């Protein structure tokens, strides 16, 4: 059984489109995994999937894959998820953008440009020379992908490219970083090429001719419109990254001292005014982030029955317990003691 351990420090500011996370959960449910059990294990709810343009933290996304690895009876879940359940809608705006490209190479180039909209903790690059065309995928952090995660990611390229070119596209070889499973029949069937495991990186290698393979139904005008939308969303995501990174820096410092704007700005490599402007562009402020961190930590602290309400107040930097009670009631509508009873 494969299980990847991870911590917050290496995933701050990373997230995936809610479409992708929802697609994995939906596919897991169709394969026989209990939806309630999967959501409970990952501390997610249906509300997390309610916004079509929303994001799910990368930590939660990895927790989904960890839970699937433990719960599934399908030894080739990642391959089958890509083959049977994943489509353009499961990778959001980028999915509809790439299906309107003129040829396979443009499709891969567009994925490379807008990869962050799908998953900003993954990196995709490609290499083209006179003989070969390579697609390389992998995580930005030192935390490796689970086997099912990696196999789904690479299989999606094959499934969608064959569907949209109407060609029996075959790579020359396929490489994975994880070790070989007991059986590789499904890998050979889906990729229709030699598959190697325990390699330095995950990659699909095609002949150079595959780069120019035309897609069946390109829509150049629609593609231009979708690219403009993607550029706007990418710009907005960059601003969201700043807010989320500031949130985590505040969270890291709050239990030691009440965070100051200039300290957090310096930690993020910018001036105080620049950070204020970036946060305003993202419709928030430094004080709102401090309040959000305090709110989130307060809820966590109150779930710990070993901590008194007074200790929770002290840890969150409030001058006195009455200030904490007023703030908590403003955030949640109930007093800390009532919140604790509701969660007991």
Protein backbone atom coordinates (compact mmCIF):
# COMPACT_ATOMS: atom_id res chain seq x y z
CA UNK A 1 0.00 0.00 0.00
CA UNK A 2 1.43 3.35 -1.06
CA UNK A 3 1.20 6.34 1.27
CA UNK A 4 2.98 9.67 0.97
CA UNK A 5 3.67 11.74 4.08
CA UNK A 6 3.76 15.50 3.81
CA UNK A 7 3.70 18.73 5.83
CA UNK A 8 2.52 22.30 5.30
CA UNK A 9 5.92 23.90 4.86
CA UNK A 10 6.55 22.68 1.33
CA UNK A 11 3.08 23.32 -0.10
CA UNK A 12 2.22 26.87 0.92
CA UNK A 13 0.37 28.71 -1.84
CA UNK A 14 -0.10 25.61 -4.01
CA UNK A 15 -3.53 24.52 -5.24
CA UNK A 16 -5.38 22.71 -8.03
CA UNK A 17 -8.52 23.61 -9.94
CA UNK A 18 -11.61 22.28 -8.19
CA UNK A 19 -12.57 20.54 -11.45
CA UNK A 20 -9.55 18.24 -11.20
CA UNK A 21 -10.07 17.42 -7.53
CA UNK A 22 -13.77 16.79 -8.16
CA UNK A 23 -12.93 14.57 -11.14
CA UNK A 24 -10.68 12.37 -9.01
CA UNK A 25 -13.30 12.10 -6.25
CA UNK A 26 -16.11 11.34 -8.74
CA UNK A 27 -13.97 8.71 -10.45
CA UNK A 28 -13.13 7.13 -7.10
CA UNK A 29 -16.83 6.94 -6.23
CA UNK A 30 -17.64 5.34 -9.59
CA UNK A 31 -14.97 2.74 -8.89
CA UNK A 32 -16.70 1.75 -5.65
CA UNK A 33 -15.12 3.98 -2.98
CA UNK A 34 -17.53 5.54 -0.49
CA UNK A 35 -17.85 9.28 -1.14
CA UNK A 36 -18.59 10.00 2.52
CA UNK A 37 -15.56 8.04 3.67
CA UNK A 38 -13.28 9.74 1.15
CA UNK A 39 -14.47 13.24 2.10
CA UNK A 40 -14.21 12.44 5.80
CA UNK A 41 -10.63 11.20 5.42
CA UNK A 42 -9.62 14.37 3.60
CA UNK A 43 -11.69 16.75 5.77
CA UNK A 44 -13.47 18.04 2.66
CA UNK A 45 -17.17 18.66 2.07
CA UNK A 46 -19.44 19.12 -0.93
CA UNK A 47 -19.12 22.86 -0.34
CA UNK A 48 -15.44 22.65 -1.37
CA UNK A 49 -16.57 21.45 -4.81
CA UNK A 50 -19.51 23.84 -5.25
CA UNK A 51 -17.64 26.62 -7.11
CA UNK A 52 -16.77 25.73 -10.68
CA UNK A 53 -13.95 28.29 -10.72
CA UNK A 54 -12.70 27.42 -7.21
CA UNK A 55 -9.42 25.93 -6.02
CA UNK A 56 -8.54 23.09 -3.64
CA UNK A 57 -5.29 23.27 -1.69
CA UNK A 58 -2.53 21.03 -2.99
CA UNK A 59 -2.25 19.43 0.45
CA UNK A 60 -5.93 18.38 0.28
CA UNK A 61 -5.42 17.15 -3.27
CA UNK A 62 -2.56 14.91 -2.16
CA UNK A 63 -4.69 13.69 0.72
CA UNK A 64 -7.33 12.64 -1.81
CA UNK A 65 -4.72 10.58 -3.65
CA UNK A 66 -3.37 9.11 -0.41
CA UNK A 67 -6.87 8.05 0.60
CA UNK A 68 -7.66 6.61 -2.83
CA UNK A 69 -4.45 4.55 -2.70
CA UNK A 70 -5.58 3.07 0.62
CA UNK A 71 -9.24 2.52 -0.24
CA UNK A 72 -9.26 1.33 -3.86
CA UNK A 73 -9.38 -2.30 -4.94
CA UNK A 74 -8.35 -1.27 -8.45
CA UNK A 75 -4.60 -1.78 -8.77
CA UNK A 76 -4.60 0.42 -11.89
CA UNK A 77 -6.96 3.12 -10.62
CA UNK A 78 -4.99 6.05 -12.08
CA UNK A 79 -4.90 4.55 -15.57
CA UNK A 80 -8.59 3.65 -15.49
CA UNK A 81 -9.56 7.06 -14.12
CA UNK A 82 -7.91 8.75 -17.11
CA UNK A 83 -9.35 6.27 -19.60
CA UNK A 84 -12.92 6.04 -18.35
CA UNK A 85 -13.81 9.24 -16.54
CA UNK A 86 -11.55 12.22 -17.35
CA UNK A 87 -12.33 14.74 -20.06
CA UNK A 88 -11.88 18.41 -20.94
CA UNK A 89 -14.24 19.57 -18.18
CA UNK A 90 -12.11 17.86 -15.52
CA UNK A 91 -9.20 20.19 -16.19
CA UNK A 92 -11.36 23.29 -16.37
CA UNK A 93 -10.76 26.19 -18.73
CA UNK A 94 -7.47 24.74 -19.96
CA UNK A 95 -9.26 21.56 -21.05
CA UNK A 96 -11.61 23.46 -23.36
CA UNK A 97 -8.74 25.65 -24.57
CA UNK A 98 -6.50 22.76 -25.64
CA UNK A 99 -9.25 20.86 -27.43
CA UNK A 100 -9.54 23.84 -29.81
CA UNK A 101 -5.83 23.88 -30.75
CA UNK A 102 -4.83 23.21 -34.35
CA UNK A 103 -2.26 20.47 -33.70
CA UNK A 104 -0.84 18.26 -30.97
CA UNK A 105 2.26 20.41 -30.48
CA UNK A 106 0.15 23.53 -29.91
CA UNK A 107 -1.93 21.56 -27.41
CA UNK A 108 1.19 20.62 -25.42
CA UNK A 109 2.57 24.16 -25.62
CA UNK A 110 -0.72 25.52 -24.25
CA UNK A 111 -0.67 23.05 -21.35
CA UNK A 112 2.86 24.23 -20.57
CA UNK A 113 1.78 27.91 -20.60
CA UNK A 114 -1.31 27.46 -18.47
CA UNK A 115 -0.34 24.46 -16.32
CA UNK A 116 -0.66 26.53 -13.14
CA UNK A 117 -4.38 26.95 -13.75
CA UNK A 118 -4.74 23.16 -13.50
CA UNK A 119 -2.19 22.56 -10.76
CA UNK A 120 0.35 25.20 -9.76
CA UNK A 121 2.42 22.64 -7.86
CA UNK A 122 3.16 20.69 -11.03
CA UNK A 123 5.54 21.57 -13.81
CA UNK A 124 5.21 20.48 -17.42
CA UNK A 125 7.81 21.08 -20.08
CA UNK A 126 8.48 19.64 -23.49
CA UNK A 127 11.46 19.16 -25.74
CA UNK A 128 11.50 18.88 -29.53
CA UNK A 129 14.45 17.91 -31.70
CA UNK A 130 14.81 16.42 -35.16
CA UNK A 131 13.99 12.89 -34.00
CA UNK A 132 11.91 13.04 -30.82
CA UNK A 133 9.24 14.99 -29.01
CA UNK A 134 9.21 14.62 -25.19
CA UNK A 135 6.58 15.63 -22.61
CA UNK A 136 7.97 15.81 -19.06
CA UNK A 137 5.78 16.09 -15.95
CA UNK A 138 6.51 16.27 -12.23
CA UNK A 139 5.82 18.02 -8.91
CA UNK A 140 7.50 21.31 -7.95
CA UNK A 141 8.02 20.12 -4.37
CA UNK A 142 10.22 17.29 -3.10
CA UNK A 143 7.05 15.35 -2.25
CA UNK A 144 6.63 12.61 -4.89
CA UNK A 145 3.35 11.82 -6.58
CA UNK A 146 1.64 8.59 -5.64
CA UNK A 147 1.72 5.92 -8.33
CA UNK A 148 -1.97 6.41 -9.23
CA UNK A 149 -1.53 10.18 -9.45
CA UNK A 150 1.45 9.92 -11.80
CA UNK A 151 -0.18 7.30 -14.00
CA UNK A 152 -3.40 9.30 -14.35
CA UNK A 153 -1.42 12.42 -15.30
CA UNK A 154 0.50 10.70 -18.09
CA UNK A 155 -2.44 8.60 -19.30
CA UNK A 156 -4.63 11.70 -19.75
CA UNK A 157 -2.27 12.91 -22.48
CA UNK A 158 -2.76 9.65 -24.38
CA UNK A 159 -6.51 9.43 -23.90
CA UNK A 160 -7.30 13.02 -24.89
CA UNK A 161 -4.80 13.23 -27.76
CA UNK A 162 -6.20 10.05 -29.33
CA UNK A 163 -9.75 11.29 -28.83
CA UNK A 164 -9.09 14.72 -30.33
CA UNK A 165 -6.83 13.64 -33.22
CA UNK A 166 -8.78 10.47 -34.02
CA UNK A 167 -5.40 8.79 -34.44
CA UNK A 168 -4.01 5.70 -32.70
CA UNK A 169 -1.15 7.80 -31.32
CA UNK A 170 1.64 5.70 -29.84
CA UNK A 171 4.66 6.94 -27.91
CA UNK A 172 8.11 5.46 -28.45
CA UNK A 173 8.47 4.89 -24.70
CA UNK A 174 6.97 5.93 -21.37
CA UNK A 175 8.93 6.57 -18.16
CA UNK A 176 7.74 6.69 -14.55
CA UNK A 177 9.69 7.52 -11.39
CA UNK A 178 7.86 4.99 -9.19
CA UNK A 179 8.76 1.32 -9.05
CA UNK A 180 7.03 -1.22 -11.26
CA UNK A 181 3.77 -2.75 -10.02
CA UNK A 182 3.33 -6.52 -9.97
CA UNK A 183 1.45 -6.48 -13.26
CA UNK A 184 1.93 -4.06 -16.16
CA UNK A 185 -0.68 -5.40 -18.59
CA UNK A 186 -2.85 -2.30 -18.36
CA UNK A 187 0.11 0.03 -18.86
CA UNK A 188 1.01 -1.76 -22.06
CA UNK A 189 -2.61 -1.78 -23.25
CA UNK A 190 -3.23 1.92 -22.64
CA UNK A 191 0.14 3.36 -23.70
CA UNK A 192 0.82 0.74 -26.42
CA UNK A 193 4.54 1.29 -25.90
CA UNK A 194 7.41 0.09 -23.70
CA UNK A 195 6.89 1.37 -20.13
CA UNK A 196 9.90 1.79 -17.83
CA UNK A 197 9.76 2.32 -14.08
CA UNK A 198 12.22 3.68 -11.51
CA UNK A 199 13.36 6.39 -13.92
CA UNK A 200 14.58 9.90 -13.08
CA UNK A 201 11.41 11.59 -14.37
CA UNK A 202 7.93 10.95 -15.74
CA UNK A 203 7.90 11.43 -19.48
CA UNK A 204 6.19 10.48 -22.72
CA UNK A 205 8.48 10.22 -25.74
CA UNK A 206 7.04 10.44 -29.27
CA UNK A 207 8.52 10.59 -32.74
CA UNK A 208 9.02 14.15 -34.02
CA UNK A 209 6.11 13.72 -36.45
CA UNK A 210 3.60 13.54 -33.59
CA UNK A 211 4.20 17.22 -32.78
CA UNK A 212 2.50 18.30 -36.03
CA UNK A 213 -0.43 15.87 -35.82
CA UNK A 214 -3.61 17.91 -36.49
CA UNK A 215 -6.58 17.95 -34.13
CA UNK A 216 -9.96 17.08 -35.58
CA UNK A 217 -12.06 20.15 -34.80
CA UNK A 218 -9.93 23.24 -34.14
CA UNK A 219 -11.77 26.52 -33.56
CA UNK A 220 -9.15 29.33 -33.92
CA UNK A 221 -11.50 32.17 -32.93
CA UNK A 222 -12.77 30.32 -29.88
CA UNK A 223 -9.16 29.45 -29.00
CA UNK A 224 -8.20 33.16 -29.01
CA UNK A 225 -11.09 33.96 -26.68
CA UNK A 226 -10.23 31.10 -24.30
CA UNK A 227 -6.56 32.10 -24.28
CA UNK A 228 -7.52 35.62 -23.23
CA UNK A 229 -9.60 34.20 -20.40
CA UNK A 230 -6.72 31.93 -19.38
CA UNK A 231 -4.28 34.85 -19.28
CA UNK A 232 -6.65 36.80 -17.03
CA UNK A 233 -7.14 33.84 -14.71
CA UNK A 234 -3.39 33.26 -14.59
CA UNK A 235 -2.86 36.88 -13.57
CA UNK A 236 -5.53 36.56 -10.88
CA UNK A 237 -4.05 33.27 -9.64
CA UNK A 238 -0.67 34.98 -9.21
CA UNK A 239 -2.35 37.59 -7.00
CA UNK A 240 -4.09 34.81 -5.05
CA UNK A 241 -0.69 33.15 -4.54
CA UNK A 242 0.60 36.31 -2.86
CA UNK A 243 -2.41 36.40 -0.52
CA UNK A 244 -2.06 32.72 0.34
CA UNK A 245 1.68 32.99 0.94
CA UNK A 246 1.06 35.99 3.20
CA UNK A 247 -1.61 33.97 5.02
CA UNK A 248 0.84 31.15 5.76
CA UNK A 249 3.59 33.54 6.86
CA UNK A 250 1.14 35.19 9.27
CA UNK A 251 0.08 31.76 10.52
CA UNK A 252 3.69 30.71 11.10
CA UNK A 253 4.42 33.82 13.17
CA UNK A 254 1.15 34.35 15.03
CA UNK A 255 1.80 31.98 17.92
CA UNK A 256 5.11 33.73 18.65
CA UNK A 257 4.08 37.34 18.17
CA UNK A 258 1.40 39.42 16.47
CA UNK A 259 2.61 39.67 12.83
CA UNK A 260 3.53 43.06 11.38
CA UNK A 261 2.99 44.09 7.78
CA UNK A 262 6.63 45.08 7.23
CA UNK A 263 7.91 41.75 8.59
CA UNK A 264 5.62 39.69 6.36
CA UNK A 265 6.39 41.85 3.31
CA UNK A 266 10.13 41.42 3.89
CA UNK A 267 9.65 37.65 4.20
CA UNK A 268 7.89 37.66 0.81
CA UNK A 269 10.67 39.74 -0.77
CA UNK A 270 8.75 42.98 -1.30
CA UNK A 271 8.02 46.32 0.35
CA UNK A 272 5.06 46.98 2.64
CA UNK A 273 3.28 49.18 0.09
CA UNK A 274 3.73 46.59 -2.66
CA UNK A 275 2.23 43.87 -0.45
CA UNK A 276 -0.69 46.15 0.48
CA UNK A 277 -1.33 46.89 -3.19
CA UNK A 278 -1.16 43.22 -4.17
CA UNK A 279 -3.60 42.29 -1.42
CA UNK A 280 -5.97 45.09 -2.44
CA UNK A 281 -5.87 43.78 -6.02
CA UNK A 282 -7.01 40.46 -4.57
CA UNK A 283 -9.87 42.19 -2.69
CA UNK A 284 -8.36 41.65 0.76
CA UNK A 285 -6.07 43.40 3.23
CA UNK A 286 -3.34 42.53 5.71
CA UNK A 287 -5.71 42.92 8.66
CA UNK A 288 -8.31 40.71 6.98
CA UNK A 289 -5.67 38.00 6.57
CA UNK A 290 -4.65 38.31 10.22
CA UNK A 291 -8.30 37.94 11.21
CA UNK A 292 -8.71 34.94 8.89
CA UNK A 293 -5.66 33.22 10.42
CA UNK A 294 -6.93 33.93 13.94
CA UNK A 295 -10.37 32.59 13.03
CA UNK A 296 -8.97 29.37 11.51
CA UNK A 297 -6.57 28.78 14.41
CA UNK A 298 -9.27 29.58 16.97
CA UNK A 299 -11.50 26.87 15.50
CA UNK A 300 -8.60 24.39 15.60
CA UNK A 301 -7.62 25.31 19.16
CA UNK A 302 -11.18 25.03 20.46
CA UNK A 303 -11.45 21.50 19.08
CA UNK A 304 -8.57 20.58 21.41
CA UNK A 305 -10.30 19.92 24.74
CA UNK A 306 -6.97 20.19 26.59
CA UNK A 307 -6.82 23.95 25.91
CA UNK A 308 -8.96 26.34 27.92
CA UNK A 309 -10.67 29.27 26.21
CA UNK A 310 -8.25 31.56 28.03
CA UNK A 311 -5.26 29.63 26.64
CA UNK A 312 -6.74 29.84 23.14
CA UNK A 313 -7.10 33.59 23.53
CA UNK A 314 -3.50 33.95 24.73
CA UNK A 315 -2.09 31.87 21.87
CA UNK A 316 -3.92 34.02 19.33
CA UNK A 317 -2.43 37.24 20.69
CA UNK A 318 -5.56 38.80 22.18
CA UNK A 319 -5.10 41.31 25.01
CA UNK A 320 -7.74 39.58 27.11
CA UNK A 321 -10.37 36.86 26.92
CA UNK A 322 -13.24 39.33 26.40
CA UNK A 323 -11.59 40.67 23.23
CA UNK A 324 -11.28 37.08 21.97
CA UNK A 325 -14.92 36.30 22.77
CA UNK A 326 -16.16 39.39 20.92
CA UNK A 327 -13.99 38.64 17.87
CA UNK A 328 -14.97 34.96 17.77
CA UNK A 329 -18.68 35.80 18.00
CA UNK A 330 -18.23 38.32 15.17
CA UNK A 331 -16.58 35.63 13.02
CA UNK A 332 -18.91 32.71 13.74
CA UNK A 333 -22.04 34.13 15.33
CA UNK A 334 -21.55 32.08 18.52
CA UNK A 335 -19.37 32.31 21.62
CA UNK A 336 -16.22 30.11 21.89
CA UNK A 337 -17.82 27.96 24.59
CA UNK A 338 -20.90 27.34 22.43
CA UNK A 339 -18.73 26.47 19.41
CA UNK A 340 -16.80 23.96 21.55
CA UNK A 341 -20.01 22.29 22.77
CA UNK A 342 -21.32 22.04 19.21
CA UNK A 343 -18.15 20.24 18.16
CA UNK A 344 -18.04 17.83 21.12
